[in-house]
PDB file of N, CA and C in Angstrom:
ATOM      1  N   MET A   1     111.450 125.589  97.192  1.00  0.00           N
ATOM      2  CA  MET A   1     111.502 126.175  95.867  1.00  0.00           C
ATOM      3  C   MET A   1     110.509 125.465  94.943  1.00  0.00           C
ATOM      4  N   ILE A   2     109.833 126.232  94.116  1.00  0.00           N
ATOM      5  CA  ILE A   2     108.837 125.671  93.204  1.00  0.00           C
ATOM      6  C   ILE A   2     109.504 125.344  91.870  1.00  0.00           C
ATOM      7  N   THR A   3     109.318 124.124  91.421  1.00  0.00           N
ATOM      8  CA  THR A   3     109.883 123.735  90.129  1.00  0.00           C
ATOM      9  C   THR A   3     108.920 124.114  89.015  1.00  0.00           C
ATOM     10  N   THR A   4     109.384 124.041  87.788  1.00  0.00           N
ATOM     11  CA  THR A   4     108.541 124.416  86.653  1.00  0.00           C
ATOM     12  C   THR A   4     107.371 123.467  86.489  1.00  0.00           C
ATOM     13  N   ALA A   5     107.529 122.211  86.866  1.00  0.00           N
ATOM     14  CA  ALA A   5     106.432 121.248  86.749  1.00  0.00           C
ATOM     15  C   ALA A   5     105.284 121.600  87.698  1.00  0.00           C
ATOM     16  N   GLU A   6     105.607 122.158  88.866  1.00  0.00           N
ATOM     17  CA  GLU A   6     104.577 122.541  89.818  1.00  0.00           C
ATOM     18  C   GLU A   6     103.887 123.830  89.409  1.00  0.00           C
ATOM     19  N   LYS A   7     104.603 124.702  88.722  1.00  0.00           N
ATOM     20  CA  LYS A   7     104.073 126.005  88.334  1.00  0.00           C
ATOM     21  C   LYS A   7     103.053 125.924  87.200  1.00  0.00           C
ATOM     22  N   THR A   8     103.274 125.026  86.267  1.00  0.00           N
ATOM     23  CA  THR A   8     102.463 125.021  85.057  1.00  0.00           C
ATOM     24  C   THR A   8     101.042 124.568  85.335  1.00  0.00           C
ATOM     25  N   ASN A   9     100.103 125.313  84.808  1.00  0.00           N
ATOM     26  CA  ASN A   9      98.693 124.948  84.867  1.00  0.00           C
ATOM     27  C   ASN A   9      98.254 124.587  83.463  1.00  0.00           C
ATOM     28  N   GLN A  10      97.421 123.582  83.374  1.00  0.00           N
ATOM     29  CA  GLN A  10      96.899 123.256  82.063  1.00  0.00           C
ATOM     30  C   GLN A  10      95.744 124.193  81.760  1.00  0.00           C
ATOM     31  N   CYS A  11      95.587 124.510  80.521  1.00  0.00           N
ATOM     32  CA  CYS A  11      94.540 125.420  80.071  1.00  0.00           C
ATOM     33  C   CYS A  11      93.160 124.873  80.458  1.00  0.00           C
ATOM     34  N   PHE A  12      92.277 125.737  80.938  1.00  0.00           N
ATOM     35  CA  PHE A  12      90.924 125.352  81.332  1.00  0.00           C
ATOM     36  C   PHE A  12      90.184 124.695  80.179  1.00  0.00           C
ATOM     37  N   PHE A  13      90.339 125.248  78.993  1.00  0.00           N
ATOM     38  CA  PHE A  13      89.600 124.746  77.837  1.00  0.00           C
ATOM     39  C   PHE A  13      90.137 123.393  77.380  1.00  0.00           C
ATOM     40  N   LYS A  14      91.446 123.182  77.471  1.00  0.00           N
ATOM     41  CA  LYS A  14      92.029 121.893  77.118  1.00  0.00           C
ATOM     42  C   LYS A  14      91.671 120.834  78.148  1.00  0.00           C
ATOM     43  N   GLN A  15      91.595 121.226  79.413  1.00  0.00           N
ATOM     44  CA  GLN A  15      91.218 120.299  80.480  1.00  0.00           C
ATOM     45  C   GLN A  15      89.816 119.755  80.266  1.00  0.00           C
ATOM     46  N   HIS A  16      88.903 120.621  79.852  1.00  0.00           N
ATOM     47  CA  HIS A  16      87.507 120.235  79.686  1.00  0.00           C
ATOM     48  C   HIS A  16      87.164 119.821  78.257  1.00  0.00           C
ATOM     49  N   GLY A  17      88.140 119.781  77.380  1.00  0.00           N
ATOM     50  CA  GLY A  17      87.915 119.332  76.005  1.00  0.00           C
ATOM     51  C   GLY A  17      87.098 120.294  75.162  1.00  0.00           C
ATOM     52  N   ILE A  18      87.189 121.575  75.457  1.00  0.00           N
ATOM     53  CA  ILE A  18      86.451 122.593  74.692  1.00  0.00           C
ATOM     54  C   ILE A  18      87.358 123.088  73.572  1.00  0.00           C
ATOM     55  N   THR A  19      86.946 122.844  72.330  1.00  0.00           N
ATOM     56  CA  THR A  19      87.767 123.268  71.196  1.00  0.00           C
ATOM     57  C   THR A  19      87.338 124.636  70.679  1.00  0.00           C
ATOM     58  N   GLU A  20      86.050 124.901  70.663  1.00  0.00           N
ATOM     59  CA  GLU A  20      85.536 126.185  70.197  1.00  0.00           C
ATOM     60  C   GLU A  20      84.916 126.930  71.367  1.00  0.00           C
ATOM     61  N   ILE A  21      85.302 128.175  71.552  1.00  0.00           N
ATOM     62  CA  ILE A  21      84.758 128.999  72.631  1.00  0.00           C
ATOM     63  C   ILE A  21      83.568 129.768  72.060  1.00  0.00           C
ATOM     64  N   ASP A  22      82.380 129.471  72.578  1.00  0.00           N
ATOM     65  CA  ASP A  22      81.146 130.042  72.051  1.00  0.00           C
ATOM     66  C   ASP A  22      80.793 131.321  72.798  1.00  0.00           C
ATOM     67  N   TYR A  23      80.494 132.378  72.082  1.00  0.00           N
ATOM     68  CA  TYR A  23      80.166 133.655  72.707  1.00  0.00           C
ATOM     69  C   TYR A  23      78.821 133.613  73.417  1.00  0.00           C
ATOM     70  N   LYS A  24      77.971 132.636  73.091  1.00  0.00           N
ATOM     71  CA  LYS A  24      76.658 132.530  73.719  1.00  0.00           C
ATOM     72  C   LYS A  24      76.705 131.822  75.072  1.00  0.00           C
ATOM     73  N   ASP A  25      77.822 131.170  75.376  1.00  0.00           N
ATOM     74  CA  ASP A  25      77.975 130.466  76.647  1.00  0.00           C
ATOM     75  C   ASP A  25      78.529 131.429  77.697  1.00  0.00           C
ATOM     76  N   VAL A  26      77.658 132.265  78.209  1.00  0.00           N
ATOM     77  CA  VAL A  26      78.049 133.359  79.096  1.00  0.00           C
ATOM     78  C   VAL A  26      78.572 132.838  80.436  1.00  0.00           C
ATOM     79  N   THR A  27      78.089 131.689  80.895  1.00  0.00           N
ATOM     80  CA  THR A  27      78.522 131.171  82.196  1.00  0.00           C
ATOM     81  C   THR A  27      80.019 130.863  82.205  1.00  0.00           C
ATOM     82  N   ILE A  28      80.535 130.338  81.114  1.00  0.00           N
ATOM     83  CA  ILE A  28      81.980 130.065  81.024  1.00  0.00           C
ATOM     84  C   ILE A  28      82.751 131.374  80.860  1.00  0.00           C
ATOM     85  N   LEU A  29      82.249 132.275  80.046  1.00  0.00           N
ATOM     86  CA  LEU A  29      82.949 133.536  79.802  1.00  0.00           C
ATOM     87  C   LEU A  29      83.060 134.386  81.066  1.00  0.00           C
ATOM     88  N   GLU A  30      82.057 134.320  81.938  1.00  0.00           N
ATOM     89  CA  GLU A  30      82.077 135.124  83.159  1.00  0.00           C
ATOM     90  C   GLU A  30      83.171 134.691  84.125  1.00  0.00           C
ATOM     91  N   ARG A  31      83.655 133.469  83.999  1.00  0.00           N
ATOM     92  CA  ARG A  31      84.750 132.993  84.851  1.00  0.00           C
ATOM     93  C   ARG A  31      86.045 133.767  84.598  1.00  0.00           C
ATOM     94  N   PHE A  32      86.180 134.335  83.410  1.00  0.00           N
ATOM     95  CA  PHE A  32      87.420 134.994  82.997  1.00  0.00           C
ATOM     96  C   PHE A  32      87.312 136.509  83.000  1.00  0.00           C
ATOM     97  N   ILE A  33      86.311 137.032  83.714  1.00  0.00           N
ATOM     98  CA  ILE A  33      86.123 138.479  83.833  1.00  0.00           C
ATOM     99  C   ILE A  33      86.188 138.841  85.314  1.00  0.00           C
ATOM    100  N   ASN A  34      86.924 139.899  85.655  1.00  0.00           N
ATOM    101  CA  ASN A  34      87.030 140.306  87.050  1.00  0.00           C
ATOM    102  C   ASN A  34      85.767 141.074  87.470  1.00  0.00           C
ATOM    103  N   PRO A  35      85.612 141.386  88.744  1.00  0.00           N
ATOM    104  CA  PRO A  35      84.396 142.068  89.212  1.00  0.00           C
ATOM    105  C   PRO A  35      84.134 143.433  88.560  1.00  0.00           C
ATOM    106  N   HIS A  36      85.170 144.048  88.016  1.00  0.00           N
ATOM    107  CA  HIS A  36      84.986 145.340  87.350  1.00  0.00           C
ATOM    108  C   HIS A  36      84.543 145.181  85.899  1.00  0.00           C
ATOM    109  N   GLY A  37      84.539 143.956  85.385  1.00  0.00           N
ATOM    110  CA  GLY A  37      84.101 143.708  84.022  1.00  0.00           C
ATOM    111  C   GLY A  37      85.230 143.619  83.023  1.00  0.00           C
ATOM    112  N   ARG A  38      86.472 143.586  83.489  1.00  0.00           N
ATOM    113  CA  ARG A  38      87.616 143.504  82.576  1.00  0.00           C
ATOM    114  C   ARG A  38      88.023 142.057  82.344  1.00  0.00           C
ATOM    115  N   ILE A  39      88.603 141.793  81.189  1.00  0.00           N
ATOM    116  CA  ILE A  39      89.097 140.458  80.868  1.00  0.00           C
ATOM    117  C   ILE A  39      90.372 140.219  81.674  1.00  0.00           C
ATOM    118  N   MET A  40      90.418 139.089  82.383  1.00  0.00           N
ATOM    119  CA  MET A  40      91.589 138.783  83.198  1.00  0.00           C
ATOM    120  C   MET A  40      92.743 138.294  82.327  1.00  0.00           C
ATOM    121  N   ALA A  41      93.954 138.523  82.810  1.00  0.00           N
ATOM    122  CA  ALA A  41      95.164 138.172  82.075  1.00  0.00           C
ATOM    123  C   ALA A  41      95.408 136.669  82.106  1.00  0.00           C
ATOM    124  N   ARG A  42      96.171 136.192  81.142  1.00  0.00           N
ATOM    125  CA  ARG A  42      96.552 134.786  81.054  1.00  0.00           C
ATOM    126  C   ARG A  42      97.289 134.321  82.296  1.00  0.00           C
ATOM    127  N   LYS A  43      98.098 135.196  82.822  1.00  0.00           N
ATOM    128  CA  LYS A  43      98.913 134.865  83.978  1.00  0.00           C
ATOM    129  C   LYS A  43      98.047 134.474  85.179  1.00  0.00           C
ATOM    130  N   ARG A  44      96.919 135.120  85.329  1.00  0.00           N
ATOM    131  CA  ARG A  44      96.010 134.835  86.448  1.00  0.00           C
ATOM    132  C   ARG A  44      95.127 133.633  86.183  1.00  0.00           C
ATOM    133  N   THR A  45      94.713 133.431  84.931  1.00  0.00           N
ATOM    134  CA  THR A  45      93.742 132.382  84.628  1.00  0.00           C
ATOM    135  C   THR A  45      94.384 131.062  84.228  1.00  0.00           C
ATOM    136  N   GLY A  46      95.619 131.101  83.708  1.00  0.00           N
ATOM    137  CA  GLY A  46      96.282 129.875  83.291  1.00  0.00           C
ATOM    138  C   GLY A  46      95.835 129.378  81.935  1.00  0.00           C
ATOM    139  N   VAL A  47      95.224 130.232  81.150  1.00  0.00           N
ATOM    140  CA  VAL A  47      94.742 129.858  79.817  1.00  0.00           C
ATOM    141  C   VAL A  47      95.887 129.975  78.817  1.00  0.00           C
ATOM    142  N   SER A  48      95.913 129.094  77.818  1.00  0.00           N
ATOM    143  CA  SER A  48      96.964 129.153  76.803  1.00  0.00           C
ATOM    144  C   SER A  48      96.791 130.397  75.931  1.00  0.00           C
ATOM    145  N   ALA A  49      97.825 130.764  75.214  1.00  0.00           N
ATOM    146  CA  ALA A  49      97.794 131.981  74.389  1.00  0.00           C
ATOM    147  C   ALA A  49      96.731 131.889  73.299  1.00  0.00           C
ATOM    148  N   GLN A  50      96.654 130.745  72.667  1.00  0.00           N
ATOM    149  CA  GLN A  50      95.666 130.556  71.597  1.00  0.00           C
ATOM    150  C   GLN A  50      94.250 130.656  72.155  1.00  0.00           C
ATOM    151  N   SER A  51      94.013 130.026  73.302  1.00  0.00           N
ATOM    152  CA  SER A  51      92.686 130.078  73.913  1.00  0.00           C
ATOM    153  C   SER A  51      92.370 131.477  74.427  1.00  0.00           C
ATOM    154  N   GLN A  52      93.379 132.206  74.899  1.00  0.00           N
ATOM    155  CA  GLN A  52      93.158 133.564  75.394  1.00  0.00           C
ATOM    156  C   GLN A  52      92.696 134.475  74.258  1.00  0.00           C
ATOM    157  N   ARG A  53      93.275 134.312  73.076  1.00  0.00           N
ATOM    158  CA  ARG A  53      92.842 135.126  71.929  1.00  0.00           C
ATOM    159  C   ARG A  53      91.398 134.806  71.553  1.00  0.00           C
ATOM    160  N   LYS A  54      91.051 133.521  71.531  1.00  0.00           N
ATOM    161  CA  LYS A  54      89.670 133.119  71.226  1.00  0.00           C
ATOM    162  C   LYS A  54      88.718 133.597  72.310  1.00  0.00           C
ATOM    163  N   LEU A  55      89.157 133.517  73.558  1.00  0.00           N
ATOM    164  CA  LEU A  55      88.345 133.941  74.693  1.00  0.00           C
ATOM    165  C   LEU A  55      88.053 135.435  74.624  1.00  0.00           C
ATOM    166  N   ALA A  56      89.074 136.229  74.346  1.00  0.00           N
ATOM    167  CA  ALA A  56      88.893 137.682  74.259  1.00  0.00           C
ATOM    168  C   ALA A  56      87.927 138.044  73.136  1.00  0.00           C
ATOM    169  N   ALA A  57      88.057 137.369  72.000  1.00  0.00           N
ATOM    170  CA  ALA A  57      87.152 137.632  70.875  1.00  0.00           C
ATOM    171  C   ALA A  57      85.720 137.246  71.238  1.00  0.00           C
ATOM    172  N   ALA A  58      85.544 136.132  71.937  1.00  0.00           N
ATOM    173  CA  ALA A  58      84.206 135.680  72.331  1.00  0.00           C
ATOM    174  C   ALA A  58      83.578 136.636  73.339  1.00  0.00           C
ATOM    175  N   ILE A  59      84.376 137.122  74.286  1.00  0.00           N
ATOM    176  CA  ILE A  59      83.859 138.078  75.274  1.00  0.00           C
ATOM    177  C   ILE A  59      83.460 139.377  74.598  1.00  0.00           C
ATOM    178  N   LYS A  60      84.293 139.857  73.689  1.00  0.00           N
ATOM    179  CA  LYS A  60      83.984 141.103  72.979  1.00  0.00           C
ATOM    180  C   LYS A  60      82.739 140.948  72.113  1.00  0.00           C
ATOM    181  N   ARG A  61      82.581 139.793  71.485  1.00  0.00           N
ATOM    182  CA  ARG A  61      81.398 139.530  70.660  1.00  0.00           C
ATOM    183  C   ARG A  61      80.152 139.460  71.546  1.00  0.00           C
ATOM    184  N   ALA A  62      80.262 138.811  72.705  1.00  0.00           N
ATOM    185  CA  ALA A  62      79.122 138.705  73.624  1.00  0.00           C
ATOM    186  C   ALA A  62      78.724 140.080  74.146  1.00  0.00           C
ATOM    187  N   ARG A  63      79.705 140.932  74.395  1.00  0.00           N
ATOM    188  CA  ARG A  63      79.405 142.301  74.834  1.00  0.00           C
ATOM    189  C   ARG A  63      78.674 143.065  73.733  1.00  0.00           C
ATOM    190  N   PHE A  64      79.146 142.923  72.515  1.00  0.00           N
ATOM    191  CA  PHE A  64      78.545 143.634  71.389  1.00  0.00           C
ATOM    192  C   PHE A  64      77.102 143.179  71.165  1.00  0.00           C
ATOM    193  N   MET A  65      76.853 141.878  71.351  1.00  0.00           N
ATOM    194  CA  MET A  65      75.506 141.333  71.158  1.00  0.00           C
ATOM    195  C   MET A  65      74.579 141.633  72.338  1.00  0.00           C
ATOM    196  N   GLY A  66      75.133 142.167  73.424  1.00  0.00           N
ATOM    197  CA  GLY A  66      74.320 142.529  74.572  1.00  0.00           C
ATOM    198  C   GLY A  66      74.134 141.410  75.568  1.00  0.00           C
ATOM    199  N   LEU A  67      74.920 140.345  75.475  1.00  0.00           N
ATOM    200  CA  LEU A  67      74.802 139.228  76.409  1.00  0.00           C
ATOM    201  C   LEU A  67      75.583 139.466  77.690  1.00  0.00           C
ATOM    202  N   MET A  68      76.613 140.314  77.603  1.00  0.00           N
ATOM    203  CA  MET A  68      77.454 140.626  78.767  1.00  0.00           C
ATOM    204  C   MET A  68      77.630 142.132  78.849  1.00  0.00           C
ATOM    205  N   PRO A  69      77.811 142.656  80.054  1.00  0.00           N
ATOM    206  CA  PRO A  69      78.021 144.101  80.181  1.00  0.00           C
ATOM    207  C   PRO A  69      79.458 144.499  79.861  1.00  0.00           C
ATOM    208  N   TYR A  70      79.639 145.722  79.417  1.00  0.00           N
ATOM    209  CA  TYR A  70      80.983 146.246  79.185  1.00  0.00           C
ATOM    210  C   TYR A  70      81.659 146.585  80.512  1.00  0.00           C
ATOM    211  N   VAL A  71      80.899 147.143  81.450  1.00  0.00           N
ATOM    212  CA  VAL A  71      81.407 147.481  82.776  1.00  0.00           C
ATOM    213  C   VAL A  71      80.422 147.016  83.830  1.00  0.00           C
ATOM    214  N   ALA A  72      80.937 146.679  85.007  1.00  0.00           N
ATOM    215  CA  ALA A  72      80.070 146.275  86.116  1.00  0.00           C
ATOM    216  C   ALA A  72      79.655 147.515  86.885  1.00  0.00           C
ATOM    217  N   ARG A  73      78.455 147.488  87.393  1.00  0.00           N
ATOM    218  CA  ARG A  73      77.967 148.657  88.155  1.00  0.00           C
ATOM    219  C   ARG A  73      78.067 148.399  89.621  1.00  0.00           C
TER     220      ARG A  73
END
């Protein structure tokens, strides 16, 4: 049986000491997008709720600026 201590993952951004998620840092943002170009859920990535909101905003901003595609071909 898995205990709660084994289940919990620390947030990627907290692990690496990233306080602000920059929309221009496409290499980090691409880690949180599936092959179809959709933003992956918190449950799959282990990101905290606060970081997930910042991440989604950064991905959407990067898409709008043309740095990332809306859909994968």
